[in-house]
N, C-alpha and C. Protein backbone atom coordinates (compact mmCIF):
# COMPACT_ATOMS: atom_id res chain seq x y z
N UNK A 1 17.14 26.03 54.26
CA UNK A 1 18.18 27.07 54.28
C UNK A 1 17.64 28.33 53.60
N UNK A 2 17.87 29.48 54.18
CA UNK A 2 17.43 30.74 53.59
C UNK A 2 18.51 31.27 52.65
N UNK A 3 18.09 32.05 51.67
CA UNK A 3 19.03 32.64 50.72
C UNK A 3 19.85 33.71 51.45
N UNK A 4 21.02 34.03 50.91
CA UNK A 4 21.96 34.93 51.58
C UNK A 4 21.58 36.40 51.48
N UNK A 5 21.03 36.84 50.35
CA UNK A 5 20.76 38.26 50.17
C UNK A 5 19.35 38.47 49.64
N UNK A 6 18.78 39.67 49.84
CA UNK A 6 17.42 39.93 49.35
C UNK A 6 17.37 39.86 47.83
N UNK A 7 16.18 39.55 47.31
CA UNK A 7 15.97 39.45 45.87
C UNK A 7 15.31 40.72 45.38
N UNK A 8 16.03 41.47 44.52
CA UNK A 8 15.49 42.70 43.95
C UNK A 8 14.60 42.34 42.76
N UNK A 9 13.29 42.57 42.90
CA UNK A 9 12.35 42.27 41.82
C UNK A 9 12.17 43.51 40.96
N UNK A 10 11.79 44.61 41.60
CA UNK A 10 11.63 45.90 40.92
C UNK A 10 12.14 46.97 41.88
N UNK A 11 12.12 48.21 41.43
CA UNK A 11 12.59 49.30 42.28
C UNK A 11 11.74 49.41 43.55
N UNK A 12 10.45 49.08 43.44
CA UNK A 12 9.56 49.22 44.58
C UNK A 12 9.32 47.91 45.33
N UNK A 13 10.00 46.82 44.93
CA UNK A 13 9.76 45.53 45.58
C UNK A 13 11.05 44.74 45.72
N UNK A 14 11.37 44.39 46.96
CA UNK A 14 12.53 43.57 47.26
C UNK A 14 12.07 42.48 48.23
N UNK A 15 12.37 41.23 47.90
CA UNK A 15 11.99 40.10 48.74
C UNK A 15 13.10 39.86 49.75
N UNK A 16 12.82 39.94 51.06
CA UNK A 16 13.85 39.70 52.06
C UNK A 16 14.40 38.27 51.96
N UNK A 17 15.66 38.11 52.30
CA UNK A 17 16.33 36.80 52.18
C UNK A 17 15.65 35.72 53.01
N UNK A 18 15.10 36.08 54.18
CA UNK A 18 14.52 35.05 55.04
C UNK A 18 13.21 34.48 54.48
N UNK A 19 12.63 35.12 53.46
CA UNK A 19 11.40 34.59 52.85
C UNK A 19 11.69 33.62 51.71
N UNK A 20 12.94 33.54 51.28
CA UNK A 20 13.33 32.61 50.23
C UNK A 20 13.95 31.37 50.86
N UNK A 21 13.37 30.22 50.59
CA UNK A 21 13.88 28.96 51.15
C UNK A 21 14.60 28.22 50.03
N UNK A 22 15.86 27.88 50.29
CA UNK A 22 16.69 27.22 49.28
C UNK A 22 17.06 25.83 49.77
N UNK A 23 16.83 24.82 48.92
CA UNK A 23 17.27 23.45 49.19
C UNK A 23 18.16 23.03 48.04
N UNK A 24 19.00 22.04 48.31
CA UNK A 24 19.89 21.53 47.28
C UNK A 24 19.67 20.03 47.14
N UNK A 25 19.88 19.53 45.91
CA UNK A 25 19.73 18.10 45.65
C UNK A 25 20.72 17.72 44.57
N UNK A 26 20.89 16.43 44.41
CA UNK A 26 21.77 15.97 43.34
C UNK A 26 21.06 16.11 42.01
N UNK A 27 21.78 16.67 41.07
CA UNK A 27 21.19 16.88 39.74
C UNK A 27 21.61 15.76 38.81
N UNK A 28 20.74 15.46 37.85
CA UNK A 28 21.09 14.48 36.82
C UNK A 28 21.92 15.17 35.75
N UNK A 29 22.26 14.45 34.72
CA UNK A 29 22.97 15.04 33.60
C UNK A 29 24.46 15.08 33.81
N UNK A 30 25.18 15.88 33.00
CA UNK A 30 26.63 15.89 33.03
C UNK A 30 27.18 16.43 34.34
N UNK A 31 28.37 16.03 34.68
CA UNK A 31 28.99 16.51 35.90
C UNK A 31 30.24 15.74 36.23
N UNK A 32 30.55 14.75 35.42
CA UNK A 32 31.78 14.00 35.64
C UNK A 32 31.74 13.21 36.94
N UNK A 33 32.85 13.17 37.64
CA UNK A 33 32.95 12.38 38.86
C UNK A 33 32.10 12.94 39.99
N UNK A 34 31.76 14.23 39.91
CA UNK A 34 31.01 14.84 41.00
C UNK A 34 29.51 14.59 40.93
N UNK A 35 29.03 14.04 39.80
CA UNK A 35 27.59 13.98 39.58
C UNK A 35 26.85 13.21 40.67
N UNK A 36 27.47 12.23 41.27
CA UNK A 36 26.79 11.41 42.27
C UNK A 36 27.07 11.82 43.71
N UNK A 37 27.87 12.87 43.90
CA UNK A 37 28.19 13.23 45.28
C UNK A 37 28.01 14.70 45.62
N UNK A 38 27.85 15.56 44.61
CA UNK A 38 27.71 16.98 44.87
C UNK A 38 26.29 17.43 44.56
N UNK A 39 25.69 18.17 45.49
CA UNK A 39 24.31 18.62 45.32
C UNK A 39 24.30 19.97 44.63
N UNK A 40 24.20 19.95 43.29
CA UNK A 40 24.24 21.19 42.53
C UNK A 40 22.85 21.68 42.14
N UNK A 41 21.85 20.83 42.18
CA UNK A 41 20.49 21.25 41.83
C UNK A 41 19.95 22.15 42.94
N UNK A 42 19.30 23.24 42.54
CA UNK A 42 18.75 24.20 43.49
C UNK A 42 17.23 24.16 43.43
N UNK A 43 16.61 24.09 44.59
CA UNK A 43 15.15 24.16 44.69
C UNK A 43 14.84 25.41 45.52
N UNK A 44 14.25 26.40 44.87
CA UNK A 44 13.96 27.68 45.50
C UNK A 44 12.47 27.79 45.75
N UNK A 45 12.09 28.09 46.99
CA UNK A 45 10.68 28.22 47.36
C UNK A 45 10.41 29.64 47.86
N UNK A 46 9.25 30.16 47.43
CA UNK A 46 8.82 31.48 47.88
C UNK A 46 7.32 31.43 48.12
N UNK A 47 6.90 31.74 49.33
CA UNK A 47 5.48 31.70 49.68
C UNK A 47 4.84 33.05 49.42
N UNK A 48 3.98 33.10 48.41
CA UNK A 48 3.28 34.34 48.07
C UNK A 48 2.29 34.68 49.18
N UNK A 49 1.61 33.67 49.71
CA UNK A 49 0.58 33.90 50.74
C UNK A 49 1.18 34.44 52.04
N UNK A 50 2.38 33.96 52.41
CA UNK A 50 2.98 34.31 53.70
C UNK A 50 3.91 35.52 53.63
N UNK A 51 4.18 36.02 52.43
CA UNK A 51 5.18 37.08 52.26
C UNK A 51 4.74 38.39 52.90
N UNK A 52 5.66 39.00 53.63
CA UNK A 52 5.40 40.30 54.23
C UNK A 52 5.87 41.43 53.35
N UNK A 53 6.56 41.10 52.26
CA UNK A 53 7.11 42.13 51.38
C UNK A 53 6.07 42.67 50.40
N UNK A 54 4.97 41.95 50.24
CA UNK A 54 3.96 42.31 49.25
C UNK A 54 2.84 43.13 49.87
N UNK A 55 2.34 44.07 49.09
CA UNK A 55 1.13 44.78 49.51
C UNK A 55 -0.05 43.84 49.24
N UNK A 56 -1.19 44.08 49.87
CA UNK A 56 -2.35 43.21 49.60
C UNK A 56 -2.74 43.18 48.12
N UNK A 57 -2.60 44.30 47.44
CA UNK A 57 -2.92 44.35 46.00
C UNK A 57 -1.95 43.48 45.21
N UNK A 58 -0.65 43.58 45.51
CA UNK A 58 0.35 42.77 44.82
C UNK A 58 0.12 41.29 45.08
N UNK A 59 -0.17 40.95 46.35
CA UNK A 59 -0.41 39.55 46.71
C UNK A 59 -1.60 38.99 45.92
N UNK A 60 -2.67 39.76 45.86
CA UNK A 60 -3.88 39.32 45.15
C UNK A 60 -3.58 39.11 43.66
N UNK A 61 -2.84 40.06 43.08
CA UNK A 61 -2.51 39.93 41.65
C UNK A 61 -1.64 38.70 41.40
N UNK A 62 -0.64 38.46 42.26
CA UNK A 62 0.22 37.28 42.09
C UNK A 62 -0.56 35.99 42.26
N UNK A 63 -1.41 35.93 43.27
CA UNK A 63 -2.20 34.71 43.48
C UNK A 63 -3.11 34.44 42.30
N UNK A 64 -3.62 35.50 41.69
CA UNK A 64 -4.52 35.31 40.54
C UNK A 64 -3.74 34.94 39.29
N UNK A 65 -2.67 35.67 38.99
CA UNK A 65 -1.94 35.45 37.74
C UNK A 65 -1.08 34.19 37.75
N UNK A 66 -0.58 33.80 38.92
CA UNK A 66 0.33 32.65 38.99
C UNK A 66 -0.34 31.41 39.58
N UNK A 67 -1.67 31.37 39.61
CA UNK A 67 -2.34 30.27 40.30
C UNK A 67 -1.98 28.90 39.74
N UNK A 68 -1.66 28.81 38.44
CA UNK A 68 -1.30 27.51 37.87
C UNK A 68 0.12 27.09 38.27
N UNK A 69 0.93 28.04 38.75
CA UNK A 69 2.31 27.74 39.13
C UNK A 69 2.48 27.59 40.64
N UNK A 70 1.42 27.84 41.41
CA UNK A 70 1.51 27.79 42.86
C UNK A 70 1.17 26.41 43.39
N UNK A 71 1.80 26.05 44.51
CA UNK A 71 1.44 24.82 45.20
C UNK A 71 0.16 25.06 45.99
N UNK A 72 -0.37 24.02 46.61
CA UNK A 72 -1.58 24.16 47.42
C UNK A 72 -1.34 25.14 48.57
N UNK A 73 -0.11 25.18 49.06
CA UNK A 73 0.24 26.08 50.17
C UNK A 73 0.49 27.51 49.71
N UNK A 74 0.38 27.78 48.40
CA UNK A 74 0.59 29.12 47.90
C UNK A 74 2.05 29.46 47.67
N UNK A 75 2.87 28.46 47.40
CA UNK A 75 4.31 28.69 47.18
C UNK A 75 4.64 28.56 45.69
N UNK A 76 5.64 29.32 45.29
CA UNK A 76 6.25 29.14 43.97
C UNK A 76 7.49 28.31 44.20
N UNK A 77 7.64 27.23 43.44
CA UNK A 77 8.80 26.35 43.57
C UNK A 77 9.55 26.36 42.24
N UNK A 78 10.82 26.71 42.28
CA UNK A 78 11.64 26.76 41.07
C UNK A 78 12.81 25.80 41.21
N UNK A 79 12.98 24.95 40.21
CA UNK A 79 14.10 24.00 40.16
C UNK A 79 15.09 24.50 39.12
N UNK A 80 16.37 24.53 39.48
CA UNK A 80 17.42 24.94 38.53
C UNK A 80 18.56 23.94 38.62
N UNK A 81 18.85 23.28 37.51
CA UNK A 81 19.93 22.29 37.52
C UNK A 81 20.70 22.26 36.21
N UNK A 82 20.59 23.32 35.40
CA UNK A 82 21.24 23.29 34.10
C UNK A 82 22.74 23.56 34.17
N UNK A 83 23.21 24.13 35.26
CA UNK A 83 24.63 24.43 35.41
C UNK A 83 25.30 23.36 36.28
N UNK A 84 26.63 23.30 36.22
CA UNK A 84 27.36 22.31 37.02
C UNK A 84 27.70 22.82 38.41
N UNK A 85 27.56 24.14 38.60
CA UNK A 85 27.92 24.72 39.89
C UNK A 85 26.68 25.17 40.65
N UNK A 86 26.69 24.88 41.94
CA UNK A 86 25.56 25.21 42.80
C UNK A 86 25.27 26.72 42.79
N UNK A 87 26.30 27.52 42.87
CA UNK A 87 26.13 28.97 42.92
C UNK A 87 25.47 29.52 41.67
N UNK A 88 25.86 28.99 40.51
CA UNK A 88 25.27 29.47 39.25
C UNK A 88 23.82 29.03 39.14
N UNK A 89 23.52 27.82 39.63
CA UNK A 89 22.13 27.35 39.62
C UNK A 89 21.28 28.21 40.56
N UNK A 90 21.85 28.62 41.70
CA UNK A 90 21.13 29.46 42.64
C UNK A 90 20.81 30.82 42.00
N UNK A 91 21.80 31.41 41.33
CA UNK A 91 21.56 32.69 40.66
C UNK A 91 20.51 32.56 39.56
N UNK A 92 20.55 31.46 38.82
CA UNK A 92 19.56 31.24 37.76
C UNK A 92 18.16 31.11 38.36
N UNK A 93 18.03 30.38 39.46
CA UNK A 93 16.73 30.20 40.11
C UNK A 93 16.21 31.55 40.62
N UNK A 94 17.07 32.34 41.23
CA UNK A 94 16.67 33.65 41.76
C UNK A 94 16.22 34.57 40.62
N UNK A 95 16.96 34.55 39.52
CA UNK A 95 16.60 35.41 38.38
C UNK A 95 15.27 34.97 37.77
N UNK A 96 15.05 33.66 37.67
CA UNK A 96 13.78 33.16 37.12
C UNK A 96 12.61 33.54 38.01
N UNK A 97 12.80 33.49 39.33
CA UNK A 97 11.74 33.90 40.26
C UNK A 97 11.46 35.39 40.10
N UNK A 98 12.51 36.20 40.05
CA UNK A 98 12.34 37.65 39.91
C UNK A 98 11.61 37.98 38.62
N UNK A 99 11.98 37.32 37.53
CA UNK A 99 11.34 37.57 36.23
C UNK A 99 9.88 37.16 36.25
N UNK A 100 9.58 36.03 36.89
CA UNK A 100 8.20 35.56 37.00
C UNK A 100 7.36 36.57 37.78
N UNK A 101 7.89 37.07 38.89
CA UNK A 101 7.17 38.04 39.70
C UNK A 101 7.00 39.36 38.95
N UNK A 102 8.06 39.80 38.26
CA UNK A 102 7.99 41.03 37.48
C UNK A 102 6.90 40.96 36.43
N UNK A 103 6.87 39.85 35.70
CA UNK A 103 5.88 39.68 34.63
C UNK A 103 4.46 39.67 35.19
N UNK A 104 4.27 38.99 36.33
CA UNK A 104 2.92 38.90 36.89
C UNK A 104 2.47 40.21 37.51
N UNK A 105 3.40 41.05 37.94
CA UNK A 105 3.03 42.30 38.60
C UNK A 105 2.83 43.46 37.64
N UNK A 106 3.24 43.30 36.38
CA UNK A 106 3.05 44.41 35.44
C UNK A 106 1.56 44.59 35.18
N UNK A 107 1.13 45.83 35.27
CA UNK A 107 -0.27 46.13 35.06
C UNK A 107 -0.53 46.30 33.57
N UNK A 108 -1.56 45.65 33.05
CA UNK A 108 -1.84 45.79 31.62
C UNK A 108 -2.27 47.22 31.30
N UNK A 109 -1.90 47.70 30.13
CA UNK A 109 -2.29 49.03 29.72
C UNK A 109 -3.80 49.06 29.48
N UNK A 110 -4.42 50.14 29.86
CA UNK A 110 -5.86 50.29 29.63
C UNK A 110 -6.08 50.49 28.14
N UNK A 111 -7.02 49.75 27.57
CA UNK A 111 -7.29 49.86 26.14
C UNK A 111 -8.18 51.06 25.89
N UNK A 112 -7.78 51.88 24.95
CA UNK A 112 -8.59 53.04 24.59
C UNK A 112 -9.29 52.74 23.28
N UNK A 113 -10.59 53.02 23.24
CA UNK A 113 -11.34 52.79 22.01
C UNK A 113 -10.85 53.78 20.95
N UNK A 114 -10.75 53.29 19.73
CA UNK A 114 -10.35 54.17 18.63
C UNK A 114 -11.35 54.00 17.50
N UNK A 115 -11.43 55.02 16.66
CA UNK A 115 -12.29 54.94 15.48
C UNK A 115 -11.40 54.91 14.26
N UNK A 116 -11.86 54.25 13.19
CA UNK A 116 -11.07 54.31 11.96
C UNK A 116 -11.03 55.75 11.44
N UNK A 117 -9.90 56.12 10.87
CA UNK A 117 -9.80 57.49 10.35
C UNK A 117 -10.68 57.63 9.12
N UNK A 118 -11.00 58.87 8.78
CA UNK A 118 -11.85 59.12 7.60
C UNK A 118 -11.17 58.59 6.34
N UNK A 119 -9.84 58.76 6.27
CA UNK A 119 -9.11 58.29 5.10
C UNK A 119 -9.16 56.77 4.97
N UNK A 120 -9.03 56.06 6.10
CA UNK A 120 -9.06 54.59 6.02
C UNK A 120 -10.46 54.11 5.64
N UNK A 121 -11.50 54.79 6.11
CA UNK A 121 -12.86 54.42 5.72
C UNK A 121 -13.05 54.64 4.21
N UNK A 122 -12.56 55.79 3.71
CA UNK A 122 -12.69 56.09 2.28
C UNK A 122 -11.96 55.05 1.44
N UNK A 123 -10.73 54.69 1.86
CA UNK A 123 -9.96 53.69 1.10
C UNK A 123 -10.64 52.33 1.10
N UNK A 124 -11.23 51.96 2.24
CA UNK A 124 -11.92 50.67 2.32
C UNK A 124 -13.12 50.65 1.37
N UNK A 125 -13.91 51.72 1.38
CA UNK A 125 -15.10 51.77 0.52
C UNK A 125 -14.72 51.83 -0.96
N UNK A 126 -13.64 52.56 -1.27
CA UNK A 126 -13.17 52.64 -2.65
C UNK A 126 -12.73 51.27 -3.15
N UNK A 127 -12.05 50.53 -2.30
CA UNK A 127 -11.63 49.17 -2.67
C UNK A 127 -12.82 48.26 -2.91
N UNK A 128 -13.84 48.40 -2.09
CA UNK A 128 -15.06 47.60 -2.28
C UNK A 128 -15.74 47.96 -3.60
N UNK A 129 -15.78 49.27 -3.89
CA UNK A 129 -16.40 49.69 -5.15
C UNK A 129 -15.65 49.13 -6.35
N UNK A 130 -14.32 49.21 -6.29
CA UNK A 130 -13.49 48.71 -7.39
C UNK A 130 -13.74 47.21 -7.60
N UNK A 131 -13.77 46.46 -6.51
CA UNK A 131 -13.98 45.01 -6.60
C UNK A 131 -15.37 44.71 -7.16
N UNK A 132 -16.35 45.50 -6.75
CA UNK A 132 -17.71 45.33 -7.24
C UNK A 132 -17.76 45.56 -8.75
N UNK A 133 -17.06 46.62 -9.23
CA UNK A 133 -17.02 46.90 -10.67
C UNK A 133 -16.40 45.75 -11.44
N UNK A 134 -15.32 45.19 -10.91
CA UNK A 134 -14.65 44.06 -11.57
C UNK A 134 -15.61 42.90 -11.72
N UNK A 135 -16.32 42.59 -10.67
CA UNK A 135 -17.24 41.44 -10.71
C UNK A 135 -18.42 41.72 -11.65
N UNK A 136 -18.92 42.98 -11.64
CA UNK A 136 -20.07 43.32 -12.46
C UNK A 136 -19.73 43.27 -13.95
N UNK A 137 -18.50 43.65 -14.34
CA UNK A 137 -18.14 43.71 -15.75
C UNK A 137 -17.60 42.40 -16.30
N UNK A 138 -17.59 41.35 -15.46
CA UNK A 138 -17.11 40.06 -15.96
C UNK A 138 -18.08 39.53 -17.00
N UNK A 139 -17.54 38.78 -17.95
CA UNK A 139 -18.39 38.18 -18.99
C UNK A 139 -19.29 37.12 -18.39
N UNK A 140 -20.46 36.99 -18.92
CA UNK A 140 -21.42 36.01 -18.42
C UNK A 140 -21.27 34.71 -19.17
N UNK A 141 -20.09 34.15 -19.21
CA UNK A 141 -19.83 32.92 -19.98
C UNK A 141 -20.23 31.66 -19.24
N UNK A 142 -21.25 31.72 -18.42
CA UNK A 142 -21.67 30.53 -17.67
C UNK A 142 -22.55 29.63 -18.50
N UNK A 143 -23.04 28.56 -17.93
CA UNK A 143 -23.92 27.60 -18.63
C UNK A 143 -25.35 28.06 -18.53
N UNK A 144 -25.87 28.56 -19.66
CA UNK A 144 -27.25 29.05 -19.64
C UNK A 144 -28.10 28.20 -20.52
């Protein structure tokens, strides 16, 4: 079964509903009389390899960053069963997928080399000198 509406990941990326495959299963845990007859657990699948919504750069980044979370077929599978209602579990699964994609697509900031300031260098050397003086002026009360 496909999800009903597109998944908004970021302003520049929206996953069409037909690319999200949703299955339902019976969930364990609390649920009262419905626990054995109502399928509230949500299994959400999204194929990174087959997605038409991603640019080649985005696809490559997702395949690299999420490789430990992908199936052999290149799918992300999310299970959500913490809620008692199917609809709430579906929303939780969709939000977890969106957050996972958002985190993997953020580009790391380029690191700029910095030098210690003149003041920090002076303070470091002054501290070393002070410590050296303390050690030098200690009494020689050792075993001679």
